[in-house]
Amino acid sequence: MTVGIEISNPVGLHDPTGFGYSHVARVSGELVLVAGQYDSDGEGHTTSDDFAVQVDNAFANLGIALGSVGLGFAEVAQLRTFVVGHDLDKLAVIGKKIAEIWGERPPVQTLVGVAALALPGMLFEVDAVAVRD
């Protein structure tokens, strides 16, 4: 258990870690909510049309947001990801990034395929719930 987060994948359910998530996160402590982060520059504009670049930059921005309150990726219990034109190739990109950050202990996650996001050019957005012990 890390910082008040117990991640588990109950017997009877498939092992979801290859898809970049876990089934259950039990938390204790202060919840910190981080709004949707995306591939944005200093003025809020997207920087790339490439999906993988947008995923990398969105998670980098999530790291900055977490760091601003003294937390890191290890304290994330839940992610929600939003993907324009979701397909298996995009799922693989997201899964690879999550594995890079969380390894074999990814947070719980819900992925939502959407027709569009808030701004033109946005292809990916991620929000998070983190826990301060």
Protein backbone atom coordinates (compact mmCIF):
# COMPACT_ATOMS: atom_id res chain seq x y z
CA MET A 1 0.00 0.00 0.00
CA THR A 2 1.27 3.45 -0.93
CA VAL A 3 0.09 6.67 0.73
CA GLY A 4 -3.32 5.43 1.78
CA ILE A 5 -4.09 3.65 -1.51
CA GLU A 6 -4.66 -0.10 -1.66
CA ILE A 7 -4.91 -1.31 -5.27
CA SER A 8 -6.42 -4.73 -5.94
CA ASN A 9 -7.70 -6.94 -8.72
CA PRO A 10 -10.23 -9.36 -7.20
CA VAL A 11 -10.26 -13.04 -8.01
CA GLY A 12 -13.08 -13.68 -10.45
CA LEU A 13 -12.31 -10.60 -12.54
CA HIS A 14 -9.78 -10.51 -15.40
CA ASP A 15 -6.30 -9.08 -14.86
CA PRO A 16 -6.65 -5.55 -16.28
CA THR A 17 -3.07 -4.37 -15.81
CA GLY A 18 -2.19 -5.09 -19.44
CA PHE A 19 -4.89 -2.62 -20.40
CA GLY A 20 -3.45 0.04 -18.09
CA TYR A 21 -5.76 -0.05 -15.08
CA SER A 22 -6.72 -1.89 -11.90
CA HIS A 23 -10.22 -2.78 -10.73
CA VAL A 24 -10.35 -1.42 -7.16
CA ALA A 25 -8.65 1.35 -5.20
CA ARG A 26 -9.38 1.61 -1.49
CA VAL A 27 -8.28 4.98 -0.16
CA SER A 28 -7.83 6.65 3.18
CA GLY A 29 -6.69 10.23 3.63
CA GLU A 30 -7.34 13.57 1.96
CA LEU A 31 -8.60 13.40 -1.64
CA VAL A 32 -7.03 15.76 -4.16
CA LEU A 33 -8.96 16.26 -7.40
CA VAL A 34 -7.10 17.29 -10.54
CA ALA A 35 -9.06 18.71 -13.47
CA GLY A 36 -8.62 17.37 -16.98
CA GLN A 37 -5.10 17.88 -18.30
CA TYR A 38 -4.27 17.86 -21.98
CA ASP A 39 -1.48 18.70 -24.41
CA SER A 40 -1.35 22.41 -23.69
CA ASP A 41 1.24 25.13 -23.96
CA GLY A 42 1.49 28.10 -21.60
CA GLU A 43 -1.55 29.72 -23.21
CA GLY A 44 -3.77 26.62 -23.26
CA HIS A 45 -3.30 25.73 -26.93
CA THR A 46 -2.53 22.21 -28.13
CA THR A 47 1.01 21.74 -29.39
CA SER A 48 0.73 18.67 -31.62
CA ASP A 49 -1.67 16.74 -33.84
CA ASP A 50 0.09 13.49 -32.88
CA PHE A 51 -1.94 11.38 -30.41
CA ALA A 52 1.10 9.90 -28.64
CA VAL A 53 2.63 13.35 -28.16
CA GLN A 54 -0.66 14.60 -26.74
CA VAL A 55 -0.76 11.68 -24.29
CA ASP A 56 2.83 12.32 -23.17
CA ASN A 57 2.19 16.05 -22.70
CA ALA A 58 -1.12 15.51 -20.88
CA PHE A 59 0.55 13.20 -18.36
CA ALA A 60 3.45 15.66 -18.00
CA ASN A 61 0.91 18.37 -17.19
CA LEU A 62 -0.81 16.02 -14.74
CA GLY A 63 2.57 15.57 -13.04
CA ILE A 64 2.97 19.35 -12.78
CA ALA A 65 -0.51 19.71 -11.28
CA LEU A 66 0.17 16.96 -8.73
CA GLY A 67 3.57 18.43 -7.89
CA SER A 68 1.99 21.80 -7.21
CA VAL A 69 0.33 20.28 -4.13
CA GLY A 70 3.28 18.15 -3.10
CA LEU A 71 2.07 14.90 -4.66
CA GLY A 72 3.29 12.61 -7.43
CA PHE A 73 1.97 9.84 -9.65
CA ALA A 74 2.30 7.30 -6.81
CA GLU A 75 -0.50 9.09 -4.95
CA VAL A 76 -2.99 8.77 -7.84
CA ALA A 77 -5.86 6.40 -7.05
CA GLN A 78 -8.09 7.06 -10.07
CA LEU A 79 -7.79 8.29 -13.63
CA ARG A 80 -10.44 9.20 -16.13
CA THR A 81 -9.22 9.39 -19.71
CA PHE A 82 -11.13 10.87 -22.63
CA VAL A 83 -10.14 9.91 -26.17
CA VAL A 84 -11.39 11.39 -29.45
CA GLY A 85 -11.97 8.59 -31.96
CA HIS A 86 -10.96 5.82 -29.57
CA ASP A 87 -9.53 2.65 -31.12
CA LEU A 88 -7.18 -0.16 -30.11
CA ASP A 89 -4.09 1.67 -31.39
CA LYS A 90 -4.87 4.61 -29.10
CA LEU A 91 -5.55 2.21 -26.22
CA ALA A 92 -2.07 0.75 -26.76
CA VAL A 93 -0.49 4.22 -26.58
CA ILE A 94 -2.31 4.99 -23.34
CA GLY A 95 -1.52 1.57 -21.87
CA LYS A 96 2.18 2.00 -22.67
CA LYS A 97 2.28 5.42 -20.99
CA ILE A 98 0.47 4.16 -17.91
CA ALA A 99 2.84 1.19 -17.65
CA GLU A 100 5.78 3.60 -17.98
CA ILE A 101 4.50 5.66 -15.04
CA TRP A 102 2.86 3.06 -12.76
CA GLY A 103 4.35 -0.28 -13.86
CA GLU A 104 2.39 -3.25 -12.54
CA ARG A 105 0.36 -1.07 -10.13
CA PRO A 106 -1.78 1.19 -12.31
CA PRO A 107 -4.58 3.18 -10.69
CA VAL A 108 -8.22 2.46 -11.40
CA GLN A 109 -9.27 4.05 -14.66
CA THR A 110 -12.29 4.69 -16.81
CA LEU A 111 -11.64 5.41 -20.47
CA VAL A 112 -14.35 7.26 -22.37
CA GLY A 113 -14.39 7.52 -26.16
CA VAL A 114 -15.77 10.89 -27.21
CA ALA A 115 -16.63 12.73 -30.44
CA ALA A 116 -14.81 15.89 -29.36
CA LEU A 117 -13.17 17.58 -26.38
CA ALA A 118 -13.27 21.18 -25.17
CA LEU A 119 -10.95 22.74 -27.75
CA PRO A 120 -10.28 22.09 -31.44
CA GLY A 121 -7.29 19.80 -31.86
CA MET A 122 -7.59 18.10 -28.46
CA LEU A 123 -7.41 14.32 -28.89
CA PHE A 124 -6.76 13.25 -25.27
CA GLU A 125 -7.55 14.45 -21.76
CA VAL A 126 -6.89 12.92 -18.35
CA ASP A 127 -8.16 13.86 -14.91
CA ALA A 128 -7.17 12.30 -11.61
CA VAL A 129 -8.06 11.68 -7.99
CA ALA A 130 -5.01 11.52 -5.74
CA VAL A 131 -4.67 10.84 -2.02
CA ARG A 132 -2.62 12.70 0.57
CA ASP A 133 -1.97 10.48 3.59
